[in-house]
């Protein structure tokens, strides 16, 4: 084999290191269609979402979306072997955590666990009452998270899609003058039986295509 150098072997490429410089999350009822593409045209322009998706607004810096895969395996140990002779993945679940800052209808619905479709403010004063349900119903949502790296002609869009997202717990809320009122949310991504997945990734934007070859796509 021919001689080479460390730099040639390592093939480091700083331009392939991604960051989420800003982003937003969008939710819709599970009857709303999941987009099949987020960009279009030769310049990969960002496209509008189907009607029914609502932004959750600004998120806390320390409450930006986090994704934790939980993988469970089952091992078979054979007599005399120092390691498992077989190990299979039997469960994989993804927990999603995020903390919206803005007090919006969709955020309140998620945090309180109430159906707000029939809740209306007082026509005269605008006063709004929301009663926490004593027997909360299980509800699933379409979940989309858009992260953006770069800007203008180098912008890269990083999407996470969970077509069957369920809120499983909410965090503590503190009344304080030092910080914003926040709504910590935790949920799980379940497999959508029609679409056939629990989590999908999508990458695009004008800055994405020029990097495909460097990433390994010919």
N, C-alpha and C. Protein backbone atom coordinates (compact mmCIF):
# COMPACT_ATOMS: atom_id res chain seq x y z
N UNK A 1 0.85 -1.19 0.00
CA UNK A 1 0.00 0.00 0.00
C UNK A 1 0.88 1.25 0.00
N UNK A 2 0.45 2.32 -0.69
CA UNK A 2 1.28 3.54 -0.77
C UNK A 2 1.32 4.28 0.56
N UNK A 3 2.39 5.03 0.77
CA UNK A 3 2.51 5.85 1.98
C UNK A 3 1.52 7.00 1.93
N UNK A 4 1.15 7.48 3.09
CA UNK A 4 0.20 8.59 3.18
C UNK A 4 0.55 9.42 4.40
N UNK A 5 -0.31 10.39 4.71
CA UNK A 5 -0.12 11.24 5.88
C UNK A 5 -1.33 11.17 6.78
N UNK A 6 -1.16 11.63 8.01
CA UNK A 6 -2.29 11.63 8.94
C UNK A 6 -3.43 12.49 8.42
N UNK A 7 -3.12 13.69 7.90
CA UNK A 7 -4.17 14.60 7.42
C UNK A 7 -4.97 13.98 6.29
N UNK A 8 -4.31 13.23 5.43
CA UNK A 8 -5.01 12.57 4.33
C UNK A 8 -5.94 11.48 4.86
N UNK A 9 -5.42 10.70 5.81
CA UNK A 9 -6.24 9.63 6.38
C UNK A 9 -7.42 10.18 7.18
N UNK A 10 -7.17 11.19 8.01
CA UNK A 10 -8.21 11.73 8.89
C UNK A 10 -9.31 12.41 8.10
N UNK A 11 -8.97 13.09 7.00
CA UNK A 11 -9.96 13.72 6.13
C UNK A 11 -10.91 14.64 6.91
N UNK A 12 -10.36 15.43 7.83
CA UNK A 12 -11.17 16.35 8.61
C UNK A 12 -11.75 17.45 7.71
N UNK A 13 -13.01 17.82 7.97
CA UNK A 13 -13.66 18.88 7.20
C UNK A 13 -14.48 19.75 8.16
N UNK A 14 -13.96 20.90 8.52
CA UNK A 14 -14.65 21.79 9.45
C UNK A 14 -16.00 22.25 8.93
N UNK A 15 -16.14 22.34 7.61
CA UNK A 15 -17.39 22.82 7.03
C UNK A 15 -18.55 21.84 7.21
N UNK A 16 -18.24 20.65 7.72
CA UNK A 16 -19.30 19.67 7.97
C UNK A 16 -19.76 19.67 9.42
N UNK A 17 -19.24 20.58 10.23
CA UNK A 17 -19.68 20.70 11.62
C UNK A 17 -20.89 21.62 11.67
N UNK A 18 -21.99 21.10 12.15
CA UNK A 18 -23.26 21.83 12.15
C UNK A 18 -23.60 22.37 13.54
N UNK A 19 -24.33 23.49 13.53
CA UNK A 19 -24.87 24.09 14.76
C UNK A 19 -26.31 24.53 14.50
N UNK A 20 -27.07 24.61 15.57
CA UNK A 20 -28.41 25.20 15.48
C UNK A 20 -28.29 26.65 15.95
N UNK A 21 -28.16 27.58 15.01
CA UNK A 21 -28.03 28.98 15.39
C UNK A 21 -29.38 29.57 15.81
N UNK A 22 -30.43 29.05 15.27
CA UNK A 22 -31.79 29.42 15.70
C UNK A 22 -32.74 28.33 15.25
N UNK A 23 -33.93 28.36 15.79
CA UNK A 23 -34.87 27.30 15.43
C UNK A 23 -36.25 27.53 16.00
N UNK A 24 -37.16 26.67 15.62
CA UNK A 24 -38.55 26.76 16.08
C UNK A 24 -39.19 25.39 16.01
N UNK A 25 -40.22 25.20 16.82
CA UNK A 25 -40.99 23.95 16.83
C UNK A 25 -42.43 24.24 16.42
N UNK A 26 -43.02 23.28 15.71
CA UNK A 26 -44.38 23.43 15.20
C UNK A 26 -45.16 22.16 15.52
N UNK A 27 -46.41 22.35 15.94
CA UNK A 27 -47.27 21.20 16.24
C UNK A 27 -48.60 21.33 15.51
N UNK A 28 -49.18 20.18 15.21
CA UNK A 28 -50.50 20.13 14.58
C UNK A 28 -51.22 18.90 15.08
N UNK A 29 -52.52 18.87 14.91
CA UNK A 29 -53.27 17.66 15.24
C UNK A 29 -52.80 16.52 14.35
N UNK A 30 -53.00 15.29 14.82
CA UNK A 30 -52.49 14.14 14.07
C UNK A 30 -53.28 13.83 12.81
N UNK A 31 -54.30 14.65 12.52
CA UNK A 31 -55.04 14.49 11.27
C UNK A 31 -54.45 15.34 10.15
N UNK A 32 -53.53 16.24 10.52
CA UNK A 32 -52.90 17.13 9.53
C UNK A 32 -51.77 16.37 8.82
N UNK A 33 -51.61 16.64 7.55
CA UNK A 33 -50.60 15.94 6.75
C UNK A 33 -49.19 16.30 7.20
N UNK A 34 -48.30 15.32 7.14
CA UNK A 34 -46.88 15.56 7.38
C UNK A 34 -46.26 15.95 6.05
N UNK A 35 -45.50 17.04 6.00
CA UNK A 35 -44.89 17.45 4.72
C UNK A 35 -44.02 16.35 4.14
N UNK A 36 -44.02 16.25 2.82
CA UNK A 36 -43.16 15.29 2.14
C UNK A 36 -41.86 15.95 1.67
N UNK A 37 -41.80 17.28 1.73
CA UNK A 37 -40.59 18.03 1.40
C UNK A 37 -40.70 19.40 2.06
N UNK A 38 -39.56 19.97 2.43
CA UNK A 38 -39.54 21.28 3.07
C UNK A 38 -38.91 22.36 2.20
N UNK A 39 -38.29 21.96 1.10
CA UNK A 39 -37.66 22.91 0.19
C UNK A 39 -38.08 22.58 -1.23
N UNK A 40 -37.89 23.56 -2.13
CA UNK A 40 -38.24 23.35 -3.53
C UNK A 40 -37.40 24.25 -4.42
N UNK A 41 -37.23 23.81 -5.66
CA UNK A 41 -36.52 24.62 -6.64
C UNK A 41 -35.02 24.46 -6.59
N UNK A 42 -34.35 25.01 -7.61
CA UNK A 42 -32.90 24.90 -7.72
C UNK A 42 -32.17 25.58 -6.59
N UNK A 43 -32.82 26.57 -5.97
CA UNK A 43 -32.20 27.29 -4.84
C UNK A 43 -32.66 26.75 -3.50
N UNK A 44 -33.41 25.64 -3.50
CA UNK A 44 -33.85 24.98 -2.27
C UNK A 44 -34.52 25.96 -1.31
N UNK A 45 -35.51 26.67 -1.81
CA UNK A 45 -36.20 27.65 -0.98
C UNK A 45 -37.11 26.97 0.04
N UNK A 46 -37.14 27.51 1.25
CA UNK A 46 -37.98 26.99 2.33
C UNK A 46 -39.45 27.16 1.95
N UNK A 47 -40.24 26.11 2.16
CA UNK A 47 -41.65 26.13 1.80
C UNK A 47 -42.55 26.28 3.03
N UNK A 48 -43.74 26.79 2.82
CA UNK A 48 -44.72 26.94 3.90
C UNK A 48 -45.16 25.56 4.39
N UNK A 49 -45.59 25.51 5.64
CA UNK A 49 -46.12 24.27 6.20
C UNK A 49 -47.60 24.15 5.87
N UNK A 50 -48.13 22.92 5.84
CA UNK A 50 -49.56 22.75 5.61
C UNK A 50 -50.39 23.48 6.67
N UNK A 51 -51.58 23.86 6.31
CA UNK A 51 -52.46 24.54 7.25
C UNK A 51 -52.75 23.64 8.44
N UNK A 52 -52.68 24.20 9.62
CA UNK A 52 -52.92 23.44 10.84
C UNK A 52 -51.73 23.40 11.76
N UNK A 53 -50.54 23.68 11.24
CA UNK A 53 -49.35 23.72 12.10
C UNK A 53 -49.24 25.07 12.79
N UNK A 54 -48.92 25.04 14.06
CA UNK A 54 -48.77 26.27 14.85
C UNK A 54 -47.40 26.29 15.50
N UNK A 55 -46.74 27.43 15.43
CA UNK A 55 -45.44 27.59 16.08
C UNK A 55 -45.62 27.65 17.60
N UNK A 56 -44.67 27.10 18.33
CA UNK A 56 -44.69 27.20 19.79
C UNK A 56 -43.97 28.45 20.26
N UNK A 57 -43.50 29.27 19.34
CA UNK A 57 -42.86 30.53 19.70
C UNK A 57 -41.43 30.34 20.19
N UNK A 58 -40.94 31.35 20.88
CA UNK A 58 -39.56 31.31 21.36
C UNK A 58 -39.39 30.25 22.45
N UNK A 59 -38.18 29.67 22.46
CA UNK A 59 -37.85 28.64 23.44
C UNK A 59 -36.74 29.14 24.35
N UNK A 60 -36.71 28.62 25.57
CA UNK A 60 -35.65 28.98 26.50
C UNK A 60 -34.30 28.51 25.96
N UNK A 61 -33.25 29.28 26.23
CA UNK A 61 -31.90 28.90 25.78
C UNK A 61 -31.53 27.52 26.31
N UNK A 62 -31.83 27.30 27.59
CA UNK A 62 -31.52 26.00 28.19
C UNK A 62 -32.68 25.02 28.03
N UNK A 63 -33.66 25.39 27.22
CA UNK A 63 -34.81 24.52 26.98
C UNK A 63 -35.04 24.27 25.51
N UNK A 64 -33.97 24.45 24.70
CA UNK A 64 -34.06 24.10 23.29
C UNK A 64 -34.31 22.60 23.17
N UNK A 65 -34.93 22.15 22.09
CA UNK A 65 -35.29 20.74 21.97
C UNK A 65 -34.09 19.81 22.16
N UNK A 66 -34.29 18.77 22.96
CA UNK A 66 -33.28 17.72 23.13
C UNK A 66 -33.94 16.38 22.85
N UNK A 67 -33.15 15.47 22.30
CA UNK A 67 -33.65 14.17 21.87
C UNK A 67 -32.81 13.08 22.52
N UNK A 68 -33.47 12.21 23.27
CA UNK A 68 -32.76 11.16 23.99
C UNK A 68 -33.27 9.79 23.55
N UNK A 69 -32.52 9.09 22.69
CA UNK A 69 -32.92 7.72 22.32
C UNK A 69 -32.68 6.78 23.49
N UNK A 70 -33.65 5.94 23.75
CA UNK A 70 -33.54 4.94 24.83
C UNK A 70 -33.61 3.56 24.18
N UNK A 71 -32.48 2.86 24.16
CA UNK A 71 -32.39 1.57 23.49
C UNK A 71 -32.28 0.45 24.53
N UNK A 72 -33.14 -0.54 24.41
CA UNK A 72 -33.12 -1.70 25.31
C UNK A 72 -32.74 -2.93 24.50
N UNK A 73 -31.86 -3.72 25.04
CA UNK A 73 -31.43 -4.94 24.36
C UNK A 73 -31.71 -6.17 25.20
N UNK A 74 -31.75 -7.31 24.54
CA UNK A 74 -31.91 -8.60 25.21
C UNK A 74 -30.73 -9.48 24.81
N UNK A 75 -30.00 -9.96 25.81
CA UNK A 75 -28.77 -10.73 25.54
C UNK A 75 -28.96 -12.21 25.88
N UNK A 76 -28.27 -13.05 25.12
CA UNK A 76 -28.22 -14.49 25.40
C UNK A 76 -26.79 -14.83 25.80
N UNK A 77 -26.65 -15.37 27.00
CA UNK A 77 -25.33 -15.75 27.51
C UNK A 77 -25.17 -17.27 27.40
N UNK A 78 -24.08 -17.69 26.81
CA UNK A 78 -23.80 -19.12 26.66
C UNK A 78 -22.72 -19.56 27.65
N UNK A 79 -22.87 -20.76 28.16
CA UNK A 79 -21.94 -21.28 29.16
C UNK A 79 -20.51 -21.29 28.60
N UNK A 80 -19.59 -20.71 29.37
CA UNK A 80 -18.20 -20.70 28.98
C UNK A 80 -17.76 -19.49 28.20
N UNK A 81 -18.70 -18.70 27.67
CA UNK A 81 -18.35 -17.50 26.91
C UNK A 81 -18.15 -16.32 27.85
N UNK A 82 -17.17 -15.49 27.53
CA UNK A 82 -16.90 -14.30 28.35
C UNK A 82 -17.79 -13.13 27.97
N UNK A 83 -18.50 -13.25 26.87
CA UNK A 83 -19.41 -12.20 26.43
C UNK A 83 -20.68 -12.83 25.90
N UNK A 84 -21.69 -12.00 25.71
CA UNK A 84 -22.96 -12.51 25.20
C UNK A 84 -22.75 -13.10 23.80
N UNK A 85 -23.36 -14.26 23.57
CA UNK A 85 -23.24 -14.90 22.26
C UNK A 85 -24.23 -14.30 21.26
N UNK A 86 -25.22 -13.58 21.77
CA UNK A 86 -26.17 -12.89 20.91
C UNK A 86 -26.83 -11.76 21.70
N UNK A 87 -27.05 -10.64 21.03
CA UNK A 87 -27.72 -9.52 21.68
C UNK A 87 -28.59 -8.80 20.64
N UNK A 88 -29.86 -8.63 20.96
CA UNK A 88 -30.82 -8.03 20.02
C UNK A 88 -31.44 -6.78 20.62
N UNK A 89 -31.67 -5.80 19.76
CA UNK A 89 -32.42 -4.61 20.18
C UNK A 89 -33.90 -4.96 20.21
N UNK A 90 -34.52 -4.78 21.37
CA UNK A 90 -35.94 -5.14 21.51
C UNK A 90 -36.82 -3.91 21.73
N UNK A 91 -36.19 -2.77 21.97
CA UNK A 91 -36.99 -1.56 22.19
C UNK A 91 -36.15 -0.33 21.90
N UNK A 92 -36.76 0.65 21.23
CA UNK A 92 -36.10 1.94 21.00
C UNK A 92 -37.16 3.02 21.10
N UNK A 93 -37.00 3.91 22.06
CA UNK A 93 -37.92 5.03 22.25
C UNK A 93 -37.13 6.33 22.27
N UNK A 94 -37.71 7.39 21.76
CA UNK A 94 -37.05 8.69 21.77
C UNK A 94 -37.86 9.67 22.61
N UNK A 95 -37.21 10.23 23.63
CA UNK A 95 -37.83 11.25 24.47
C UNK A 95 -37.42 12.62 23.96
N UNK A 96 -38.40 13.51 23.86
CA UNK A 96 -38.17 14.87 23.38
C UNK A 96 -38.51 15.84 24.51
N UNK A 97 -37.58 16.74 24.81
CA UNK A 97 -37.79 17.75 25.85
C UNK A 97 -37.59 19.14 25.26
N UNK A 98 -38.47 20.07 25.62
CA UNK A 98 -38.34 21.46 25.18
C UNK A 98 -39.09 22.36 26.15
N UNK A 99 -38.70 23.64 26.16
CA UNK A 99 -39.32 24.59 27.08
C UNK A 99 -39.72 25.87 26.35
N UNK A 100 -40.97 25.97 25.92
CA UNK A 100 -41.44 27.22 25.31
C UNK A 100 -41.50 28.35 26.34
N UNK A 101 -41.24 29.57 25.85
CA UNK A 101 -41.33 30.77 26.68
C UNK A 101 -42.64 31.51 26.46
N UNK A 102 -43.16 31.44 25.25
CA UNK A 102 -44.33 32.26 24.91
C UNK A 102 -45.61 31.59 25.38
N UNK A 103 -46.53 32.42 25.89
CA UNK A 103 -47.85 31.94 26.31
C UNK A 103 -48.77 31.98 25.10
N UNK A 104 -48.90 30.85 24.44
CA UNK A 104 -49.73 30.71 23.26
C UNK A 104 -50.79 29.63 23.50
N UNK A 105 -51.81 29.63 22.66
CA UNK A 105 -52.88 28.65 22.81
C UNK A 105 -52.35 27.22 22.74
N UNK A 106 -51.52 26.93 21.76
CA UNK A 106 -51.02 25.57 21.60
C UNK A 106 -50.11 25.19 22.77
N UNK A 107 -49.31 26.13 23.26
CA UNK A 107 -48.44 25.87 24.41
C UNK A 107 -49.27 25.56 25.65
N UNK A 108 -50.31 26.35 25.88
CA UNK A 108 -51.18 26.11 27.03
C UNK A 108 -51.87 24.75 26.93
N UNK A 109 -52.29 24.41 25.73
CA UNK A 109 -52.95 23.12 25.53
C UNK A 109 -52.01 21.96 25.88
N UNK A 110 -50.75 22.08 25.46
CA UNK A 110 -49.78 21.03 25.74
C UNK A 110 -49.45 20.94 27.22
N UNK A 111 -49.24 22.09 27.85
CA UNK A 111 -48.80 22.11 29.25
C UNK A 111 -49.94 21.73 30.20
N UNK A 112 -51.12 22.24 29.95
CA UNK A 112 -52.26 21.99 30.85
C UNK A 112 -52.92 20.65 30.54
N UNK A 113 -52.82 20.21 29.28
CA UNK A 113 -53.44 18.95 28.90
C UNK A 113 -54.92 19.06 28.68
N UNK A 114 -55.38 20.26 28.31
CA UNK A 114 -56.81 20.49 28.11
C UNK A 114 -57.10 20.72 26.64
N UNK A 115 -58.28 20.29 26.22
CA UNK A 115 -58.75 20.56 24.86
C UNK A 115 -59.30 21.99 24.84
N UNK A 116 -58.65 22.86 24.09
CA UNK A 116 -59.04 24.27 24.08
C UNK A 116 -59.89 24.64 22.87
N UNK A 117 -60.35 23.64 22.14
CA UNK A 117 -61.13 23.94 20.93
C UNK A 117 -62.43 24.66 21.24
N UNK A 118 -62.99 24.41 22.43
CA UNK A 118 -64.26 25.05 22.79
C UNK A 118 -64.07 26.13 23.86
N UNK A 119 -62.83 26.47 24.17
CA UNK A 119 -62.56 27.49 25.19
C UNK A 119 -62.39 28.84 24.51
N UNK A 120 -63.20 29.80 24.91
CA UNK A 120 -63.14 31.12 24.28
C UNK A 120 -63.03 32.20 25.35
N UNK A 121 -62.30 33.27 25.07
CA UNK A 121 -62.21 34.39 26.01
C UNK A 121 -63.55 35.11 26.13
N UNK A 122 -63.74 35.80 27.24
CA UNK A 122 -64.94 36.61 27.43
C UNK A 122 -65.00 37.68 26.34
N UNK A 123 -66.15 37.80 25.73
CA UNK A 123 -66.29 38.72 24.61
C UNK A 123 -66.08 40.17 25.02
N UNK A 124 -66.35 40.50 26.27
CA UNK A 124 -66.22 41.90 26.73
C UNK A 124 -64.85 42.18 27.30
N UNK A 125 -64.40 41.35 28.23
CA UNK A 125 -63.14 41.63 28.94
C UNK A 125 -61.93 40.91 28.36
N UNK A 126 -62.18 39.85 27.60
CA UNK A 126 -61.08 39.05 27.09
C UNK A 126 -60.56 38.04 28.10
N UNK A 127 -61.15 38.02 29.30
CA UNK A 127 -60.69 37.09 30.33
C UNK A 127 -60.85 35.64 29.87
N UNK A 128 -59.84 34.85 30.20
CA UNK A 128 -59.82 33.46 29.73
C UNK A 128 -59.63 32.51 30.90
N UNK A 129 -60.50 31.50 30.99
CA UNK A 129 -60.39 30.46 32.01
C UNK A 129 -60.09 29.13 31.32
N UNK A 130 -59.14 28.38 31.90
CA UNK A 130 -58.84 27.03 31.42
C UNK A 130 -58.82 26.11 32.63
N UNK A 131 -59.67 25.14 32.64
CA UNK A 131 -59.75 24.19 33.75
C UNK A 131 -58.93 22.95 33.42
N UNK A 132 -58.02 22.59 34.34
CA UNK A 132 -57.22 21.39 34.14
C UNK A 132 -58.12 20.17 34.19
N UNK A 133 -58.03 19.28 33.21
CA UNK A 133 -58.91 18.11 33.18
C UNK A 133 -58.60 17.14 34.32
N UNK A 134 -59.64 16.57 34.88
CA UNK A 134 -59.46 15.59 35.95
C UNK A 134 -59.18 14.20 35.39
N UNK A 135 -59.56 13.97 34.15
CA UNK A 135 -59.25 12.71 33.45
C UNK A 135 -58.69 13.07 32.08
N UNK A 136 -57.41 13.44 32.02
CA UNK A 136 -56.81 13.87 30.75
C UNK A 136 -56.87 12.76 29.70
N UNK A 137 -57.19 13.14 28.48
CA UNK A 137 -57.24 12.18 27.38
C UNK A 137 -55.87 12.07 26.72
N UNK A 138 -55.58 10.90 26.18
CA UNK A 138 -54.34 10.72 25.44
C UNK A 138 -54.49 11.37 24.07
N UNK A 139 -53.57 12.26 23.75
CA UNK A 139 -53.66 12.98 22.49
C UNK A 139 -52.31 12.95 21.78
N UNK A 140 -52.35 12.76 20.48
CA UNK A 140 -51.14 12.71 19.67
C UNK A 140 -51.10 13.90 18.72
N UNK A 141 -49.89 14.35 18.45
CA UNK A 141 -49.68 15.51 17.60
C UNK A 141 -48.64 15.20 16.53
N UNK A 142 -48.67 16.01 15.47
CA UNK A 142 -47.55 16.07 14.54
C UNK A 142 -46.54 17.06 15.12
N UNK A 143 -45.29 16.67 15.17
CA UNK A 143 -44.24 17.51 15.74
C UNK A 143 -43.17 17.76 14.69
N UNK A 144 -42.84 19.04 14.48
CA UNK A 144 -41.77 19.42 13.56
C UNK A 144 -40.82 20.37 14.28
N UNK A 145 -39.55 20.15 14.10
CA UNK A 145 -38.54 21.05 14.67
C UNK A 145 -37.60 21.48 13.55
N UNK A 146 -37.49 22.76 13.34
CA UNK A 146 -36.60 23.33 12.34
C UNK A 146 -35.44 24.03 13.01
N UNK A 147 -34.23 23.60 12.70
CA UNK A 147 -33.03 24.29 13.14
C UNK A 147 -32.32 24.87 11.92
N UNK A 148 -31.74 26.04 12.07
CA UNK A 148 -31.08 26.70 10.95
C UNK A 148 -29.62 26.97 11.29
N UNK A 149 -28.75 26.58 10.37
CA UNK A 149 -27.32 26.85 10.48
C UNK A 149 -26.92 27.69 9.27
N UNK A 150 -26.20 28.76 9.50
CA UNK A 150 -25.82 29.63 8.40
C UNK A 150 -26.94 30.60 8.05
N UNK A 151 -26.73 31.37 6.97
CA UNK A 151 -27.72 32.36 6.55
C UNK A 151 -27.58 32.61 5.05
N UNK A 152 -28.66 33.11 4.46
CA UNK A 152 -28.63 33.46 3.05
C UNK A 152 -28.30 32.26 2.17
N UNK A 153 -27.35 32.41 1.23
CA UNK A 153 -27.04 31.33 0.29
C UNK A 153 -26.33 30.13 0.93
N UNK A 154 -25.89 30.26 2.17
CA UNK A 154 -25.23 29.14 2.86
C UNK A 154 -26.12 28.52 3.94
N UNK A 155 -27.39 28.94 4.02
CA UNK A 155 -28.29 28.44 5.07
C UNK A 155 -28.55 26.94 4.89
N UNK A 156 -28.52 26.24 6.02
CA UNK A 156 -28.83 24.82 6.04
C UNK A 156 -29.98 24.60 7.01
N UNK A 157 -30.99 23.87 6.56
CA UNK A 157 -32.16 23.58 7.37
C UNK A 157 -32.07 22.16 7.90
N UNK A 158 -32.23 22.01 9.21
CA UNK A 158 -32.17 20.71 9.86
C UNK A 158 -33.53 20.45 10.53
N UNK A 159 -34.24 19.48 10.02
CA UNK A 159 -35.58 19.17 10.51
C UNK A 159 -35.59 17.87 11.31
N UNK A 160 -36.39 17.83 12.37
CA UNK A 160 -36.76 16.58 13.03
C UNK A 160 -38.27 16.46 12.93
N UNK A 161 -38.72 15.28 12.55
CA UNK A 161 -40.15 15.05 12.35
C UNK A 161 -40.59 13.89 13.24
N UNK A 162 -41.60 14.13 14.07
CA UNK A 162 -42.20 13.06 14.87
C UNK A 162 -43.70 13.07 14.55
N UNK A 163 -44.17 12.16 13.71
CA UNK A 163 -45.56 12.20 13.26
C UNK A 163 -46.58 11.80 14.32
N UNK A 164 -46.11 11.16 15.40
CA UNK A 164 -47.02 10.74 16.47
C UNK A 164 -46.37 11.07 17.80
N UNK A 165 -46.51 12.33 18.20
CA UNK A 165 -45.86 12.86 19.40
C UNK A 165 -46.87 12.97 20.52
N UNK A 166 -46.48 12.49 21.70
CA UNK A 166 -47.37 12.49 22.86
C UNK A 166 -46.67 13.13 24.05
N UNK A 167 -47.35 14.08 24.71
CA UNK A 167 -46.83 14.67 25.93
C UNK A 167 -46.95 13.64 27.06
N UNK A 168 -45.83 13.39 27.74
CA UNK A 168 -45.84 12.40 28.83
C UNK A 168 -45.65 13.03 30.20
N UNK A 169 -45.08 14.24 30.26
CA UNK A 169 -44.94 14.93 31.53
C UNK A 169 -44.63 16.41 31.28
N UNK A 170 -44.87 17.21 32.32
CA UNK A 170 -44.53 18.64 32.25
C UNK A 170 -43.71 18.98 33.48
N UNK A 171 -42.85 20.00 33.32
CA UNK A 171 -41.97 20.37 34.41
C UNK A 171 -42.55 21.44 35.31
N UNK A 172 -41.82 21.73 36.38
CA UNK A 172 -42.25 22.73 37.35
C UNK A 172 -42.24 24.12 36.72
N UNK A 173 -43.17 24.95 37.17
CA UNK A 173 -43.26 26.33 36.71
C UNK A 173 -43.11 27.25 37.91
N UNK A 174 -42.17 28.18 37.80
CA UNK A 174 -41.87 29.06 38.93
C UNK A 174 -42.33 30.48 38.64
N UNK A 175 -43.00 31.08 39.64
CA UNK A 175 -43.42 32.48 39.54
C UNK A 175 -42.28 33.34 40.08
N UNK A 176 -41.59 34.01 39.18
CA UNK A 176 -40.43 34.79 39.59
C UNK A 176 -40.31 36.04 38.73
N UNK A 177 -39.70 37.08 39.30
CA UNK A 177 -39.49 38.31 38.54
C UNK A 177 -38.17 38.28 37.78
N UNK A 178 -37.35 37.28 38.05
CA UNK A 178 -36.02 37.23 37.45
C UNK A 178 -35.99 36.48 36.12
N UNK A 179 -37.02 35.71 35.83
CA UNK A 179 -37.03 34.93 34.60
C UNK A 179 -38.41 34.90 33.97
N UNK A 180 -38.45 34.48 32.72
CA UNK A 180 -39.72 34.41 32.01
C UNK A 180 -40.55 33.23 32.49
N UNK A 181 -41.84 33.37 32.39
CA UNK A 181 -42.75 32.26 32.64
C UNK A 181 -42.50 31.21 31.56
N UNK A 182 -42.24 29.99 31.96
CA UNK A 182 -41.85 28.95 31.00
C UNK A 182 -42.74 27.73 31.13
N UNK A 183 -42.73 26.91 30.10
CA UNK A 183 -43.59 25.74 30.04
C UNK A 183 -42.76 24.51 29.65
N UNK A 184 -42.08 23.87 30.62
CA UNK A 184 -41.25 22.70 30.30
C UNK A 184 -42.12 21.51 29.88
N UNK A 185 -41.81 20.95 28.72
CA UNK A 185 -42.59 19.85 28.17
C UNK A 185 -41.68 18.65 27.90
N UNK A 186 -42.20 17.47 28.18
CA UNK A 186 -41.51 16.23 27.85
C UNK A 186 -42.49 15.31 27.13
N UNK A 187 -42.04 14.73 26.05
CA UNK A 187 -42.92 13.83 25.30
C UNK A 187 -42.15 12.69 24.68
N UNK A 188 -42.88 11.78 24.06
CA UNK A 188 -42.27 10.65 23.38
C UNK A 188 -42.74 10.60 21.93
N UNK A 189 -41.83 10.16 21.08
CA UNK A 189 -42.15 9.96 19.67
C UNK A 189 -42.56 8.50 19.48
N UNK A 190 -43.78 8.30 19.03
CA UNK A 190 -44.29 6.95 18.80
C UNK A 190 -44.30 6.65 17.29
N UNK A 191 -44.31 5.38 16.96
CA UNK A 191 -44.35 4.99 15.56
C UNK A 191 -45.73 5.26 14.99
N UNK A 192 -45.79 6.02 13.91
CA UNK A 192 -47.05 6.24 13.19
C UNK A 192 -47.28 5.04 12.27
N UNK A 193 -48.39 4.36 12.46
CA UNK A 193 -48.63 3.11 11.73
C UNK A 193 -48.79 3.33 10.24
N UNK A 194 -49.24 4.52 9.84
CA UNK A 194 -49.40 4.80 8.42
C UNK A 194 -48.08 5.18 7.76
N UNK A 195 -47.32 6.06 8.41
CA UNK A 195 -46.06 6.52 7.85
C UNK A 195 -44.92 5.55 8.10
N UNK A 196 -45.03 4.75 9.17
CA UNK A 196 -44.05 3.70 9.40
C UNK A 196 -42.78 4.13 10.12
N UNK A 197 -42.80 5.26 10.81
CA UNK A 197 -41.62 5.68 11.57
C UNK A 197 -42.04 6.54 12.77
N UNK A 198 -41.12 6.65 13.74
CA UNK A 198 -41.36 7.48 14.92
C UNK A 198 -40.62 8.80 14.81
N UNK A 199 -39.40 8.75 14.26
CA UNK A 199 -38.57 9.94 14.09
C UNK A 199 -37.98 9.93 12.68
N UNK A 200 -38.03 11.06 12.03
CA UNK A 200 -37.35 11.22 10.74
C UNK A 200 -36.51 12.49 10.78
N UNK A 201 -35.44 12.50 10.02
CA UNK A 201 -34.59 13.67 9.86
C UNK A 201 -34.73 14.16 8.43
N UNK A 202 -34.61 15.45 8.25
CA UNK A 202 -34.57 16.03 6.90
C UNK A 202 -33.56 17.17 6.89
N UNK A 203 -32.73 17.20 5.86
CA UNK A 203 -31.72 18.25 5.70
C UNK A 203 -31.92 18.92 4.35
N UNK A 204 -31.73 20.22 4.30
CA UNK A 204 -31.88 20.91 3.03
C UNK A 204 -31.42 22.35 3.14
N UNK A 205 -31.87 23.15 2.19
CA UNK A 205 -31.47 24.55 2.16
C UNK A 205 -30.41 24.80 1.11
N UNK A 206 -30.20 26.07 0.76
CA UNK A 206 -29.23 26.41 -0.30
C UNK A 206 -27.80 26.02 0.02
N UNK A 207 -27.45 25.94 1.30
CA UNK A 207 -26.09 25.59 1.67
C UNK A 207 -25.83 24.11 1.79
N UNK A 208 -26.88 23.29 1.64
CA UNK A 208 -26.76 21.85 1.88
C UNK A 208 -26.22 21.09 0.67
N UNK A 209 -26.79 21.32 -0.51
CA UNK A 209 -26.42 20.55 -1.69
C UNK A 209 -24.93 20.63 -2.02
N UNK A 210 -24.28 21.81 -1.92
CA UNK A 210 -22.85 21.88 -2.24
C UNK A 210 -21.97 21.03 -1.34
N UNK A 211 -22.49 20.58 -0.20
CA UNK A 211 -21.68 19.79 0.74
C UNK A 211 -21.90 18.29 0.61
N UNK A 212 -22.82 17.86 -0.25
CA UNK A 212 -23.19 16.45 -0.32
C UNK A 212 -22.00 15.55 -0.64
N UNK A 213 -21.18 15.94 -1.60
CA UNK A 213 -20.04 15.12 -1.98
C UNK A 213 -19.05 15.00 -0.82
N UNK A 214 -18.81 16.09 -0.11
CA UNK A 214 -17.88 16.05 1.01
C UNK A 214 -18.41 15.18 2.14
N UNK A 215 -19.74 15.07 2.26
CA UNK A 215 -20.33 14.26 3.31
C UNK A 215 -20.32 12.77 2.97
N UNK A 216 -20.12 12.46 1.69
CA UNK A 216 -20.08 11.05 1.32
C UNK A 216 -21.06 10.62 0.27
N UNK A 217 -21.89 11.55 -0.22
CA UNK A 217 -22.81 11.22 -1.29
C UNK A 217 -22.20 11.63 -2.63
N UNK A 218 -22.17 10.73 -3.56
CA UNK A 218 -21.57 11.04 -4.85
C UNK A 218 -22.64 11.52 -5.84
